[in-house]
Protein backbone atom coordinates (compact mmCIF):
# COMPACT_ATOMS: atom_id res chain seq x y z
CA UNK A 1 0.00 0.00 0.00
CA UNK A 2 0.91 3.65 -0.18
CA UNK A 3 2.29 4.67 3.19
CA UNK A 4 3.27 8.32 3.03
CA UNK A 5 1.23 11.41 2.09
CA UNK A 6 3.68 12.43 -0.65
CA UNK A 7 3.32 8.98 -2.24
CA UNK A 8 -0.43 9.55 -2.54
CA UNK A 9 0.14 12.90 -4.26
CA UNK A 10 2.64 11.39 -6.70
CA UNK A 11 0.47 8.36 -7.45
CA UNK A 12 -2.57 10.58 -8.01
CA UNK A 13 -0.58 12.65 -10.49
CA UNK A 14 0.31 9.41 -12.29
CA UNK A 15 -3.37 8.48 -12.57
CA UNK A 16 -3.96 6.16 -9.61
CA UNK A 17 -7.38 6.68 -8.07
CA UNK A 18 -7.72 3.79 -5.63
CA UNK A 19 -5.53 3.11 -2.60
CA UNK A 20 -5.25 0.27 -0.11
CA UNK A 21 -3.03 1.47 2.72
CA UNK A 22 -2.21 -0.33 5.96
CA UNK A 23 -0.31 2.65 7.45
CA UNK A 24 -3.24 4.25 9.34
CA UNK A 25 -4.41 0.92 10.74
CA UNK A 26 -0.93 -0.26 11.64
CA UNK A 27 0.00 2.96 13.45
CA UNK A 28 -3.36 3.13 15.25
CA UNK A 29 -2.55 -0.17 16.95
CA UNK A 30 0.19 1.64 18.83
CA UNK A 31 -1.94 4.63 19.85
CA UNK A 32 -0.98 6.97 17.01
CA UNK A 33 -3.59 9.26 15.47
CA UNK A 34 -3.28 10.82 12.04
CA UNK A 35 -4.62 14.38 12.20
CA UNK A 36 -4.31 17.40 9.91
CA UNK A 37 -1.80 20.01 10.98
């Protein structure tokens, strides 16, 4: 899966429109929250 925000931007520019990412789920297991700055 795509794991970093920049990767999503690059992949979108290349035409990808569907993502399956384990990063949010994996980090949530350890008490990490992904929030906008």
